[in-house]
Amino acid sequence: MKKKRFSIEQIVAVLKQAELGMPVADLIRQVGISEQTFYRWKKQYAGMQSDQVRELKQLQEENGRLKKLVADLSLDRAILQDVASKKWPMVTGASTCFSSVKAGSWVKTRCIGFIAKSSY
């Protein structure tokens, strides 16, 4: 993905220069952007102050984190529903769970219990 050339603060500064009366043609030539980019910025960031820009950034980051959380929880829920919908054979013996170390990091393993050989 292409790296952004301008931060939101820089974009707001360019838009402020345009609001103060600098001609758009001179401004876009000086900054090195197209007219289309300028008007897209104007549509998206017009009238914003620097504190609003910071707040917007924080909200966007929080939104991204929350979307990731929702996706993880939805996946967990789907897995649990899939497991709950299956019929499991009778467990004979004590159920156990194990955690093991492999190559220096913890690997989680989950065991429901011992399954009798007659149930295979």
PDB file of N, CA and C in Angstrom:
ATOM      1  N   MET A   1       0.835  -1.170   0.000  1.00  0.00           N
ATOM      2  CA  MET A   1       0.000   0.000   0.000  1.00  0.00           C
ATOM      3  C   MET A   1       0.882   1.235   0.000  1.00  0.00           C
ATOM      4  N   LYS A   2       0.490   2.236  -0.737  1.00  0.00           N
ATOM      5  CA  LYS A   2       1.264   3.445  -0.873  1.00  0.00           C
ATOM      6  C   LYS A   2       1.227   4.254   0.420  1.00  0.00           C
ATOM      7  N   LYS A   3       2.389   4.746   0.833  1.00  0.00           N
ATOM      8  CA  LYS A   3       2.474   5.538   2.054  1.00  0.00           C
ATOM      9  C   LYS A   3       1.873   6.919   1.807  1.00  0.00           C
ATOM     10  N   LYS A   4       1.146   7.412   2.810  1.00  0.00           N
ATOM     11  CA  LYS A   4       0.560   8.740   2.694  1.00  0.00           C
ATOM     12  C   LYS A   4       1.665   9.783   2.733  1.00  0.00           C
ATOM     13  N   ARG A   5       1.531  10.764   1.881  1.00  0.00           N
ATOM     14  CA  ARG A   5       2.547  11.796   1.780  1.00  0.00           C
ATOM     15  C   ARG A   5       2.335  12.917   2.786  1.00  0.00           C
ATOM     16  N   PHE A   6       1.092  13.191   3.124  1.00  0.00           N
ATOM     17  CA  PHE A   6       0.761  14.298   4.009  1.00  0.00           C
ATOM     18  C   PHE A   6      -0.002  13.788   5.223  1.00  0.00           C
ATOM     19  N   SER A   7       0.354  14.342   6.385  1.00  0.00           N
ATOM     20  CA  SER A   7      -0.403  14.010   7.589  1.00  0.00           C
ATOM     21  C   SER A   7      -1.678  14.849   7.599  1.00  0.00           C
ATOM     22  N   ILE A   8      -2.590  14.487   8.476  1.00  0.00           N
ATOM     23  CA  ILE A   8      -3.853  15.225   8.556  1.00  0.00           C
ATOM     24  C   ILE A   8      -3.593  16.663   8.990  1.00  0.00           C
ATOM     25  N   GLU A   9      -2.617  16.868   9.875  1.00  0.00           N
ATOM     26  CA  GLU A   9      -2.281  18.222  10.314  1.00  0.00           C
ATOM     27  C   GLU A   9      -1.786  19.069   9.147  1.00  0.00           C
ATOM     28  N   GLN A  10      -0.966  18.476   8.278  1.00  0.00           N
ATOM     29  CA  GLN A  10      -0.468  19.198   7.108  1.00  0.00           C
ATOM     30  C   GLN A  10      -1.608  19.535   6.156  1.00  0.00           C
ATOM     31  N   ILE A  11      -2.537  18.620   5.994  1.00  0.00           N
ATOM     32  CA  ILE A  11      -3.684  18.861   5.119  1.00  0.00           C
ATOM     33  C   ILE A  11      -4.508  20.025   5.645  1.00  0.00           C
ATOM     34  N   VAL A  12      -4.746  20.050   6.954  1.00  0.00           N
ATOM     35  CA  VAL A  12      -5.520  21.138   7.558  1.00  0.00           C
ATOM     36  C   VAL A  12      -4.790  22.464   7.374  1.00  0.00           C
ATOM     37  N   ALA A  13      -3.459  22.466   7.483  1.00  0.00           N
ATOM     38  CA  ALA A  13      -2.685  23.696   7.281  1.00  0.00           C
ATOM     39  C   ALA A  13      -2.824  24.200   5.846  1.00  0.00           C
ATOM     40  N   VAL A  14      -2.803  23.297   4.876  1.00  0.00           N
ATOM     41  CA  VAL A  14      -2.981  23.688   3.467  1.00  0.00           C
ATOM     42  C   VAL A  14      -4.368  24.284   3.262  1.00  0.00           C
ATOM     43  N   LEU A  15      -5.386  23.671   3.843  1.00  0.00           N
ATOM     44  CA  LEU A  15      -6.753  24.184   3.701  1.00  0.00           C
ATOM     45  C   LEU A  15      -6.905  25.544   4.374  1.00  0.00           C
ATOM     46  N   LYS A  16      -6.197  25.765   5.476  1.00  0.00           N
ATOM     47  CA  LYS A  16      -6.244  27.072   6.147  1.00  0.00           C
ATOM     48  C   LYS A  16      -5.646  28.157   5.260  1.00  0.00           C
ATOM     49  N   GLN A  17      -4.568  27.824   4.560  1.00  0.00           N
ATOM     50  CA  GLN A  17      -3.966  28.793   3.640  1.00  0.00           C
ATOM     51  C   GLN A  17      -4.962  29.178   2.555  1.00  0.00           C
ATOM     52  N   ALA A  18      -5.722  28.205   2.070  1.00  0.00           N
ATOM     53  CA  ALA A  18      -6.725  28.489   1.044  1.00  0.00           C
ATOM     54  C   ALA A  18      -7.834  29.362   1.616  1.00  0.00           C
ATOM     55  N   GLU A  19      -8.219  29.117   2.871  1.00  0.00           N
ATOM     56  CA  GLU A  19      -9.256  29.926   3.509  1.00  0.00           C
ATOM     57  C   GLU A  19      -8.792  31.363   3.718  1.00  0.00           C
ATOM     58  N   LEU A  20      -7.494  31.555   3.940  1.00  0.00           N
ATOM     59  CA  LEU A  20      -6.959  32.893   4.167  1.00  0.00           C
ATOM     60  C   LEU A  20      -6.835  33.703   2.881  1.00  0.00           C
ATOM     61  N   GLY A  21      -7.111  33.095   1.754  1.00  0.00           N
ATOM     62  CA  GLY A  21      -7.160  33.846   0.505  1.00  0.00           C
ATOM     63  C   GLY A  21      -6.099  33.512  -0.516  1.00  0.00           C
ATOM     64  N   MET A  22      -5.259  32.562  -0.262  1.00  0.00           N
ATOM     65  CA  MET A  22      -4.256  32.176  -1.253  1.00  0.00           C
ATOM     66  C   MET A  22      -4.961  31.477  -2.411  1.00  0.00           C
ATOM     67  N   PRO A  23      -4.665  31.859  -3.649  1.00  0.00           N
ATOM     68  CA  PRO A  23      -5.321  31.221  -4.801  1.00  0.00           C
ATOM     69  C   PRO A  23      -5.044  29.710  -4.840  1.00  0.00           C
ATOM     70  N   VAL A  24      -6.083  28.952  -5.160  1.00  0.00           N
ATOM     71  CA  VAL A  24      -5.990  27.486  -5.159  1.00  0.00           C
ATOM     72  C   VAL A  24      -4.937  27.006  -6.155  1.00  0.00           C
ATOM     73  N   ALA A  25      -4.877  27.621  -7.326  1.00  0.00           N
ATOM     74  CA  ALA A  25      -3.908  27.202  -8.343  1.00  0.00           C
ATOM     75  C   ALA A  25      -2.481  27.348  -7.825  1.00  0.00           C
ATOM     76  N   ASP A  26      -2.190  28.471  -7.151  1.00  0.00           N
ATOM     77  CA  ASP A  26      -0.847  28.674  -6.596  1.00  0.00           C
ATOM     78  C   ASP A  26      -0.568  27.685  -5.465  1.00  0.00           C
ATOM     79  N   LEU A  27      -1.567  27.463  -4.643  1.00  0.00           N
ATOM     80  CA  LEU A  27      -1.413  26.580  -3.487  1.00  0.00           C
ATOM     81  C   LEU A  27      -1.129  25.139  -3.914  1.00  0.00           C
ATOM     82  N   ILE A  28      -1.893  24.625  -4.875  1.00  0.00           N
ATOM     83  CA  ILE A  28      -1.679  23.230  -5.287  1.00  0.00           C
ATOM     84  C   ILE A  28      -0.342  23.064  -6.004  1.00  0.00           C
ATOM     85  N   ARG A  29       0.094  24.096  -6.708  1.00  0.00           N
ATOM     86  CA  ARG A  29       1.399  24.039  -7.363  1.00  0.00           C
ATOM     87  C   ARG A  29       2.509  24.039  -6.309  1.00  0.00           C
ATOM     88  N   GLN A  30       2.362  24.877  -5.290  1.00  0.00           N
ATOM     89  CA  GLN A  30       3.361  24.979  -4.229  1.00  0.00           C
ATOM     90  C   GLN A  30       3.451  23.679  -3.418  1.00  0.00           C
ATOM     91  N   VAL A  31       2.309  23.084  -3.112  1.00  0.00           N
ATOM     92  CA  VAL A  31       2.282  21.872  -2.297  1.00  0.00           C
ATOM     93  C   VAL A  31       2.616  20.636  -3.130  1.00  0.00           C
ATOM     94  N   GLY A  32       2.286  20.668  -4.411  1.00  0.00           N
ATOM     95  CA  GLY A  32       2.576  19.539  -5.288  1.00  0.00           C
ATOM     96  C   GLY A  32       1.476  18.499  -5.324  1.00  0.00           C
ATOM     97  N   ILE A  33       0.228  18.968  -5.306  1.00  0.00           N
ATOM     98  CA  ILE A  33      -0.915  18.060  -5.370  1.00  0.00           C
ATOM     99  C   ILE A  33      -1.792  18.446  -6.548  1.00  0.00           C
ATOM    100  N   SER A  34      -2.719  17.574  -6.899  1.00  0.00           N
ATOM    101  CA  SER A  34      -3.643  17.884  -7.987  1.00  0.00           C
ATOM    102  C   SER A  34      -4.832  18.665  -7.438  1.00  0.00           C
ATOM    103  N   GLU A  35      -5.558  19.282  -8.337  1.00  0.00           N
ATOM    104  CA  GLU A  35      -6.743  20.042  -7.935  1.00  0.00           C
ATOM    105  C   GLU A  35      -7.791  19.103  -7.342  1.00  0.00           C
ATOM    106  N   GLN A  36      -7.898  17.920  -7.908  1.00  0.00           N
ATOM    107  CA  GLN A  36      -8.844  16.922  -7.404  1.00  0.00           C
ATOM    108  C   GLN A  36      -8.516  16.543  -5.958  1.00  0.00           C
ATOM    109  N   THR A  37      -7.236  16.367  -5.666  1.00  0.00           N
ATOM    110  CA  THR A  37      -6.818  16.039  -4.303  1.00  0.00           C
ATOM    111  C   THR A  37      -7.173  17.164  -3.348  1.00  0.00           C
ATOM    112  N   PHE A  38      -6.941  18.402  -3.765  1.00  0.00           N
ATOM    113  CA  PHE A  38      -7.266  19.552  -2.915  1.00  0.00           C
ATOM    114  C   PHE A  38      -8.750  19.570  -2.567  1.00  0.00           C
ATOM    115  N   TYR A  39      -9.600  19.385  -3.559  1.00  0.00           N
ATOM    116  CA  TYR A  39     -11.038  19.444  -3.298  1.00  0.00           C
ATOM    117  C   TYR A  39     -11.535  18.228  -2.504  1.00  0.00           C
ATOM    118  N   ARG A  40     -10.876  17.094  -2.668  1.00  0.00           N
ATOM    119  CA  ARG A  40     -11.216  15.931  -1.845  1.00  0.00           C
ATOM    120  C   ARG A  40     -10.855  16.204  -0.386  1.00  0.00           C
ATOM    121  N   TRP A  41      -9.670  16.797  -0.162  1.00  0.00           N
ATOM    122  CA  TRP A  41      -9.269  17.185   1.186  1.00  0.00           C
ATOM    123  C   TRP A  41     -10.250  18.193   1.769  1.00  0.00           C
ATOM    124  N   LYS A  42     -10.635  19.147   0.940  1.00  0.00           N
ATOM    125  CA  LYS A  42     -11.549  20.196   1.404  1.00  0.00           C
ATOM    126  C   LYS A  42     -12.882  19.583   1.828  1.00  0.00           C
ATOM    127  N   LYS A  43     -13.353  18.633   1.050  1.00  0.00           N
ATOM    128  CA  LYS A  43     -14.618  17.967   1.370  1.00  0.00           C
ATOM    129  C   LYS A  43     -14.509  17.190   2.681  1.00  0.00           C
ATOM    130  N   GLN A  44     -13.370  16.555   2.907  1.00  0.00           N
ATOM    131  CA  GLN A  44     -13.202  15.688   4.066  1.00  0.00           C
ATOM    132  C   GLN A  44     -12.802  16.444   5.332  1.00  0.00           C
ATOM    133  N   TYR A  45     -11.942  17.458   5.212  1.00  0.00           N
ATOM    134  CA  TYR A  45     -11.365  18.085   6.398  1.00  0.00           C
ATOM    135  C   TYR A  45     -11.701  19.566   6.551  1.00  0.00           C
ATOM    136  N   ALA A  46     -12.622  20.097   5.776  1.00  0.00           N
ATOM    137  CA  ALA A  46     -12.920  21.532   5.826  1.00  0.00           C
ATOM    138  C   ALA A  46     -13.393  21.948   7.216  1.00  0.00           C
ATOM    139  N   GLY A  47     -12.851  23.041   7.714  1.00  0.00           N
ATOM    140  CA  GLY A  47     -13.281  23.618   8.980  1.00  0.00           C
ATOM    141  C   GLY A  47     -12.750  22.934  10.218  1.00  0.00           C
ATOM    142  N   MET A  48     -11.837  21.998  10.084  1.00  0.00           N
ATOM    143  CA  MET A  48     -11.308  21.286  11.252  1.00  0.00           C
ATOM    144  C   MET A  48     -10.163  22.063  11.879  1.00  0.00           C
ATOM    145  N   GLN A  49     -10.074  21.958  13.194  1.00  0.00           N
ATOM    146  CA  GLN A  49      -8.956  22.517  13.952  1.00  0.00           C
ATOM    147  C   GLN A  49      -8.009  21.372  14.306  1.00  0.00           C
ATOM    148  N   SER A  50      -6.827  21.716  14.791  1.00  0.00           N
ATOM    149  CA  SER A  50      -5.828  20.678  15.083  1.00  0.00           C
ATOM    150  C   SER A  50      -6.289  19.723  16.186  1.00  0.00           C
ATOM    151  N   ASP A  51      -7.023  20.239  17.195  1.00  0.00           N
ATOM    152  CA  ASP A  51      -7.501  19.347  18.254  1.00  0.00           C
ATOM    153  C   ASP A  51      -8.574  18.395  17.729  1.00  0.00           C
ATOM    154  N   GLN A  52      -9.379  18.859  16.785  1.00  0.00           N
ATOM    155  CA  GLN A  52     -10.387  17.989  16.174  1.00  0.00           C
ATOM    156  C   GLN A  52      -9.720  16.914  15.324  1.00  0.00           C
ATOM    157  N   VAL A  53      -8.601  17.280  14.698  1.00  0.00           N
ATOM    158  CA  VAL A  53      -7.861  16.312  13.887  1.00  0.00           C
ATOM    159  C   VAL A  53      -7.307  15.202  14.780  1.00  0.00           C
ATOM    160  N   ARG A  54      -6.745  15.587  15.930  1.00  0.00           N
ATOM    161  CA  ARG A  54      -6.225  14.586  16.859  1.00  0.00           C
ATOM    162  C   ARG A  54      -7.339  13.670  17.358  1.00  0.00           C
ATOM    163  N   GLU A  55      -8.485  14.270  17.661  1.00  0.00           N
ATOM    164  CA  GLU A  55      -9.625  13.481  18.127  1.00  0.00           C
ATOM    165  C   GLU A  55     -10.103  12.519  17.035  1.00  0.00           C
ATOM    166  N   LEU A  56     -10.129  12.997  15.786  1.00  0.00           N
ATOM    167  CA  LEU A  56     -10.520  12.148  14.660  1.00  0.00           C
ATOM    168  C   LEU A  56      -9.573  10.960  14.527  1.00  0.00           C
ATOM    169  N   LYS A  57      -8.271  11.218  14.650  1.00  0.00           N
ATOM    170  CA  LYS A  57      -7.281  10.142  14.571  1.00  0.00           C
ATOM    171  C   LYS A  57      -7.504   9.104  15.666  1.00  0.00           C
ATOM    172  N   GLN A  58      -7.725   9.582  16.893  1.00  0.00           N
ATOM    173  CA  GLN A  58      -7.947   8.670  18.010  1.00  0.00           C
ATOM    174  C   GLN A  58      -9.201   7.832  17.792  1.00  0.00           C
ATOM    175  N   LEU A  59     -10.255   8.463  17.298  1.00  0.00           N
ATOM    176  CA  LEU A  59     -11.497   7.732  17.054  1.00  0.00           C
ATOM    177  C   LEU A  59     -11.319   6.686  15.954  1.00  0.00           C
ATOM    178  N   GLN A  60     -10.556   7.032  14.917  1.00  0.00           N
ATOM    179  CA  GLN A  60     -10.314   6.074  13.845  1.00  0.00           C
ATOM    180  C   GLN A  60      -9.503   4.881  14.352  1.00  0.00           C
ATOM    181  N   GLU A  61      -8.499   5.137  15.196  1.00  0.00           N
ATOM    182  CA  GLU A  61      -7.706   4.039  15.755  1.00  0.00           C
ATOM    183  C   GLU A  61      -8.559   3.158  16.664  1.00  0.00           C
ATOM    184  N   GLU A  62      -9.382   3.799  17.499  1.00  0.00           N
ATOM    185  CA  GLU A  62     -10.255   3.040  18.392  1.00  0.00           C
ATOM    186  C   GLU A  62     -11.258   2.214  17.589  1.00  0.00           C
ATOM    187  N   ASN A  63     -11.778   2.797  16.520  1.00  0.00           N
ATOM    188  CA  ASN A  63     -12.718   2.089  15.654  1.00  0.00           C
ATOM    189  C   ASN A  63     -12.058   0.849  15.049  1.00  0.00           C
ATOM    190  N   GLY A  64     -10.820   0.982  14.613  1.00  0.00           N
ATOM    191  CA  GLY A  64     -10.094  -0.161  14.070  1.00  0.00           C
ATOM    192  C   GLY A  64      -9.904  -1.267  15.092  1.00  0.00           C
ATOM    193  N   ARG A  65      -9.533  -0.870  16.327  1.00  0.00           N
ATOM    194  CA  ARG A  65      -9.363  -1.869  17.391  1.00  0.00           C
ATOM    195  C   ARG A  65     -10.680  -2.573  17.692  1.00  0.00           C
ATOM    196  N   LEU A  66     -11.767  -1.804  17.761  1.00  0.00           N
ATOM    197  CA  LEU A  66     -13.070  -2.397  18.069  1.00  0.00           C
ATOM    198  C   LEU A  66     -13.537  -3.330  16.954  1.00  0.00           C
ATOM    199  N   LYS A  67     -13.278  -2.960  15.708  1.00  0.00           N
ATOM    200  CA  LYS A  67     -13.649  -3.841  14.595  1.00  0.00           C
ATOM    201  C   LYS A  67     -12.899  -5.165  14.679  1.00  0.00           C
ATOM    202  N   LYS A  68     -11.621  -5.092  15.051  1.00  0.00           N
ATOM    203  CA  LYS A  68     -10.832  -6.314  15.189  1.00  0.00           C
ATOM    204  C   LYS A  68     -11.382  -7.175  16.325  1.00  0.00           C
ATOM    205  N   LEU A  69     -11.739  -6.536  17.441  1.00  0.00           N
ATOM    206  CA  LEU A  69     -12.323  -7.266  18.566  1.00  0.00           C
ATOM    207  C   LEU A  69     -13.621  -7.957  18.171  1.00  0.00           C
ATOM    208  N   VAL A  70     -14.477  -7.246  17.448  1.00  0.00           N
ATOM    209  CA  VAL A  70     -15.753  -7.821  17.014  1.00  0.00           C
ATOM    210  C   VAL A  70     -15.506  -9.014  16.101  1.00  0.00           C
ATOM    211  N   ALA A  71     -14.546  -8.888  15.201  1.00  0.00           N
ATOM    212  CA  ALA A  71     -14.240 -10.000  14.301  1.00  0.00           C
ATOM    213  C   ALA A  71     -13.740 -11.213  15.084  1.00  0.00           C
ATOM    214  N   ASP A  72     -12.854 -10.989  16.061  1.00  0.00           N
ATOM    215  CA  ASP A  72     -12.343 -12.094  16.875  1.00  0.00           C
ATOM    216  C   ASP A  72     -13.462 -12.758  17.670  1.00  0.00           C
ATOM    217  N   LEU A  73     -14.312 -11.941  18.282  1.00  0.00           N
ATOM    218  CA  LEU A  73     -15.401 -12.500  19.081  1.00  0.00           C
ATOM    219  C   LEU A  73     -16.421 -13.234  18.208  1.00  0.00           C
ATOM    220  N   SER A  74     -16.666 -12.735  17.011  1.00  0.00           N
ATOM    221  CA  SER A  74     -17.589 -13.418  16.099  1.00  0.00           C
ATOM    222  C   SER A  74     -17.035 -14.779  15.700  1.00  0.00           C
ATOM    223  N   LEU A  75     -15.733 -14.831  15.459  1.00  0.00           N
ATOM    224  CA  LEU A  75     -15.094 -16.103  15.115  1.00  0.00           C
ATOM    225  C   LEU A  75     -15.168 -17.075  16.290  1.00  0.00           C
ATOM    226  N   ASP A  76     -14.880 -16.578  17.494  1.00  0.00           N
ATOM    227  CA  ASP A  76     -14.981 -17.433  18.686  1.00  0.00           C
ATOM    228  C   ASP A  76     -16.398 -17.969  18.850  1.00  0.00           C
ATOM    229  N   ARG A  77     -17.378 -17.115  18.654  1.00  0.00           N
ATOM    230  CA  ARG A  77     -18.780 -17.518  18.792  1.00  0.00           C
ATOM    231  C   ARG A  77     -19.144 -18.592  17.767  1.00  0.00           C
ATOM    232  N   ALA A  78     -18.696 -18.404  16.528  1.00  0.00           N
ATOM    233  CA  ALA A  78     -18.992 -19.388  15.486  1.00  0.00           C
ATOM    234  C   ALA A  78     -18.355 -20.735  15.816  1.00  0.00           C
ATOM    235  N   ILE A  79     -17.133 -20.708  16.327  1.00  0.00           N
ATOM    236  CA  ILE A  79     -16.455 -21.951  16.691  1.00  0.00           C
ATOM    237  C   ILE A  79     -17.198 -22.642  17.829  1.00  0.00           C
ATOM    238  N   LEU A  80     -17.589 -21.872  18.841  1.00  0.00           N
ATOM    239  CA  LEU A  80     -18.307 -22.456  19.975  1.00  0.00           C
ATOM    240  C   LEU A  80     -19.656 -23.026  19.556  1.00  0.00           C
ATOM    241  N   GLN A  81     -20.361 -22.343  18.651  1.00  0.00           N
ATOM    242  CA  GLN A  81     -21.639 -22.864  18.171  1.00  0.00           C
ATOM    243  C   GLN A  81     -21.434 -24.152  17.390  1.00  0.00           C
ATOM    244  N   ASP A  82     -20.365 -24.205  16.617  1.00  0.00           N
ATOM    245  CA  ASP A  82     -20.069 -25.408  15.848  1.00  0.00           C
ATOM    246  C   ASP A  82     -19.777 -26.579  16.784  1.00  0.00           C
ATOM    247  N   VAL A  83     -18.987 -26.329  17.806  1.00  0.00           N
ATOM    248  CA  VAL A  83     -18.651 -27.383  18.764  1.00  0.00           C
ATOM    249  C   VAL A  83     -19.890 -27.805  19.542  1.00  0.00           C
ATOM    250  N   ALA A  84     -20.713 -26.848  19.943  1.00  0.00           N
ATOM    251  CA  ALA A  84     -21.899 -27.155  20.741  1.00  0.00           C
ATOM    252  C   ALA A  84     -22.944 -27.920  19.938  1.00  0.00           C
ATOM    253  N   SER A  85     -22.960 -27.759  18.636  1.00  0.00           N
ATOM    254  CA  SER A  85     -23.972 -28.424  17.822  1.00  0.00           C
ATOM    255  C   SER A  85     -23.645 -29.896  17.554  1.00  0.00           C
ATOM    256  N   LYS A  86     -22.409 -30.302  17.770  1.00  0.00           N
ATOM    257  CA  LYS A  86     -22.008 -31.690  17.516  1.00  0.00           C
ATOM    258  C   LYS A  86     -22.352 -32.565  18.706  1.00  0.00           C
ATOM    259  N   LYS A  87     -22.627 -33.818  18.416  1.00  0.00           N
ATOM    260  CA  LYS A  87     -22.855 -34.796  19.487  1.00  0.00           C
ATOM    261  C   LYS A  87     -21.519 -35.470  19.769  1.00  0.00           C
ATOM    262  N   TRP A  88     -21.120 -35.410  21.010  1.00  0.00           N
ATOM    263  CA  TRP A  88     -19.851 -35.989  21.412  1.00  0.00           C
ATOM    264  C   TRP A  88     -20.101 -37.338  22.086  1.00  0.00           C
ATOM    265  N   PRO A  89     -19.200 -38.300  21.897  1.00  0.00           N
ATOM    266  CA  PRO A  89     -19.353 -39.600  22.553  1.00  0.00           C
ATOM    267  C   PRO A  89     -19.145 -39.466  24.058  1.00  0.00           C
ATOM    268  N   MET A  90     -19.612 -40.460  24.776  1.00  0.00           N
ATOM    269  CA  MET A  90     -19.469 -40.462  26.230  1.00  0.00           C
ATOM    270  C   MET A  90     -17.990 -40.461  26.598  1.00  0.00           C
ATOM    271  N   VAL A  91     -17.667 -39.699  27.595  1.00  0.00           N
ATOM    272  CA  VAL A  91     -16.287 -39.614  28.050  1.00  0.00           C
ATOM    273  C   VAL A  91     -16.092 -40.633  29.164  1.00  0.00           C
ATOM    274  N   THR A  92     -15.071 -41.471  29.013  1.00  0.00           N
ATOM    275  CA  THR A  92     -14.760 -42.425  30.074  1.00  0.00           C
ATOM    276  C   THR A  92     -13.397 -42.054  30.628  1.00  0.00           C
ATOM    277  N   GLY A  93     -13.317 -41.881  31.880  1.00  0.00           N
ATOM    278  CA  GLY A  93     -12.054 -41.488  32.502  1.00  0.00           C
ATOM    279  C   GLY A  93     -12.070 -40.005  32.827  1.00  0.00           C
ATOM    280  N   ALA A  94     -11.007 -39.561  33.409  1.00  0.00           N
ATOM    281  CA  ALA A  94     -10.920 -38.156  33.832  1.00  0.00           C
ATOM    282  C   ALA A  94     -10.591 -37.267  32.639  1.00  0.00           C
ATOM    283  N   SER A  95     -11.214 -36.094  32.609  1.00  0.00           N
ATOM    284  CA  SER A  95     -10.863 -35.141  31.554  1.00  0.00           C
ATOM    285  C   SER A  95      -9.642 -34.352  31.992  1.00  0.00           C
ATOM    286  N   THR A  96      -8.817 -34.046  31.027  1.00  0.00           N
ATOM    287  CA  THR A  96      -7.606 -33.294  31.345  1.00  0.00           C
ATOM    288  C   THR A  96      -7.341 -32.270  30.265  1.00  0.00           C
ATOM    289  N   CYS A  97      -6.577 -31.281  30.629  1.00  0.00           N
ATOM    290  CA  CYS A  97      -6.124 -30.278  29.666  1.00  0.00           C
ATOM    291  C   CYS A  97      -4.620 -30.137  29.833  1.00  0.00           C
ATOM    292  N   PHE A  98      -3.943 -29.926  28.740  1.00  0.00           N
ATOM    293  CA  PHE A  98      -2.496 -29.818  28.777  1.00  0.00           C
ATOM    294  C   PHE A  98      -2.063 -28.517  28.126  1.00  0.00           C
ATOM    295  N   SER A  99      -0.982 -27.951  28.633  1.00  0.00           N
ATOM    296  CA  SER A  99      -0.299 -26.846  27.976  1.00  0.00           C
ATOM    297  C   SER A  99       1.138 -27.299  27.798  1.00  0.00           C
ATOM    298  N   SER A 100       1.693 -27.045  26.654  1.00  0.00           N
ATOM    299  CA  SER A 100       3.052 -27.495  26.420  1.00  0.00           C
ATOM    300  C   SER A 100       3.890 -26.346  25.886  1.00  0.00           C
ATOM    301  N   VAL A 101       5.196 -26.468  26.059  1.00  0.00           N
ATOM    302  CA  VAL A 101       6.120 -25.460  25.553  1.00  0.00           C
ATOM    303  C   VAL A 101       6.778 -26.038  24.314  1.00  0.00           C
ATOM    304  N   LYS A 102       6.736 -25.265  23.232  1.00  0.00           N
ATOM    305  CA  LYS A 102       7.354 -25.718  21.992  1.00  0.00           C
ATOM    306  C   LYS A 102       8.176 -24.562  21.442  1.00  0.00           C
ATOM    307  N   ALA A 103       9.454 -24.760  21.253  1.00  0.00           N
ATOM    308  CA  ALA A 103      10.368 -23.768  20.705  1.00  0.00           C
ATOM    309  C   ALA A 103      10.323 -22.460  21.492  1.00  0.00           C
ATOM    310  N   GLY A 104      10.211 -22.556  22.802  1.00  0.00           N
ATOM    311  CA  GLY A 104      10.278 -21.370  23.638  1.00  0.00           C
ATOM    312  C   GLY A 104       8.996 -20.581  23.776  1.00  0.00           C
ATOM    313  N   SER A 105       7.901 -21.009  23.167  1.00  0.00           N
ATOM    314  CA  SER A 105       6.642 -20.277  23.314  1.00  0.00           C
ATOM    315  C   SER A 105       5.544 -21.248  23.717  1.00  0.00           C
ATOM    316  N   TRP A 106       4.548 -20.739  24.413  1.00  0.00           N
ATOM    317  CA  TRP A 106       3.451 -21.587  24.877  1.00  0.00           C
ATOM    318  C   TRP A 106       2.547 -21.951  23.723  1.00  0.00           C
ATOM    319  N   VAL A 107       2.210 -23.197  23.653  1.00  0.00           N
ATOM    320  CA  VAL A 107       1.261 -23.685  22.661  1.00  0.00           C
ATOM    321  C   VAL A 107       0.072 -24.229  23.433  1.00  0.00           C
ATOM    322  N   LYS A 108      -1.109 -23.707  23.165  1.00  0.00           N
ATOM    323  CA  LYS A 108      -2.301 -24.143  23.883  1.00  0.00           C
ATOM    324  C   LYS A 108      -2.852 -25.398  23.230  1.00  0.00           C
ATOM    325  N   THR A 109      -3.146 -26.383  24.050  1.00  0.00           N
ATOM    326  CA  THR A 109      -3.842 -27.565  23.557  1.00  0.00           C
ATOM    327  C   THR A 109      -5.022 -27.794  24.466  1.00  0.00           C
ATOM    328  N   ARG A 110      -6.131 -28.128  23.896  1.00  0.00           N
ATOM    329  CA  ARG A 110      -7.343 -28.318  24.683  1.00  0.00           C
ATOM    330  C   ARG A 110      -7.814 -29.758  24.508  1.00  0.00           C
ATOM    331  N   CYS A 111      -8.186 -30.397  25.598  1.00  0.00           N
ATOM    332  CA  CYS A 111      -8.703 -31.758  25.559  1.00  0.00           C
ATOM    333  C   CYS A 111     -10.066 -31.771  26.211  1.00  0.00           C
ATOM    334  N   ILE A 112     -11.020 -32.362  25.559  1.00  0.00           N
ATOM    335  CA  ILE A 112     -12.349 -32.496  26.152  1.00  0.00           C
ATOM    336  C   ILE A 112     -12.326 -33.640  27.152  1.00  0.00           C
ATOM    337  N   GLY A 113     -11.646 -34.683  26.840  1.00  0.00           N
ATOM    338  CA  GLY A 113     -11.543 -35.822  27.741  1.00  0.00           C
ATOM    339  C   GLY A 113     -11.035 -37.016  26.973  1.00  0.00           C
ATOM    340  N   PHE A 114     -10.992 -38.137  27.661  1.00  0.00           N
ATOM    341  CA  PHE A 114     -10.580 -39.361  27.000  1.00  0.00           C
ATOM    342  C   PHE A 114     -11.799 -39.978  26.331  1.00  0.00           C
ATOM    343  N   ILE A 115     -11.643 -40.367  25.096  1.00  0.00           N
ATOM    344  CA  ILE A 115     -12.742 -40.968  24.356  1.00  0.00           C
ATOM    345  C   ILE A 115     -12.512 -42.478  24.321  1.00  0.00           C
ATOM    346  N   ALA A 116     -13.534 -43.207  24.661  1.00  0.00           N
ATOM    347  CA  ALA A 116     -13.419 -44.664  24.682  1.00  0.00           C
ATOM    348  C   ALA A 116     -13.159 -45.180  23.277  1.00  0.00           C
ATOM    349  N   LYS A 117     -12.325 -46.230  23.175  1.00  0.00           N
ATOM    350  CA  LYS A 117     -12.002 -46.782  21.867  1.00  0.00           C
ATOM    351  C   LYS A 117     -13.229 -47.372  21.187  1.00  0.00           C
ATOM    352  N   SER A 118     -14.205 -47.749  21.947  1.00  0.00           N
ATOM    353  CA  SER A 118     -15.405 -48.342  21.364  1.00  0.00           C
ATOM    354  C   SER A 118     -16.263 -47.302  20.642  1.00  0.00           C
ATOM    355  N   SER A 119     -16.005 -46.018  20.891  1.00  0.00           N
ATOM    356  CA  SER A 119     -16.834 -44.983  20.265  1.00  0.00           C
ATOM    357  C   SER A 119     -16.298 -44.522  18.921  1.00  0.00           C
ATOM    358  N   TYR A 120     -15.142 -44.988  18.494  1.00  0.00           N
ATOM    359  CA  TYR A 120     -14.620 -44.561  17.204  1.00  0.00           C
ATOM    360  C   TYR A 120     -15.385 -45.270  16.124  1.00  0.00           C
TER     361      TYR A 120
END
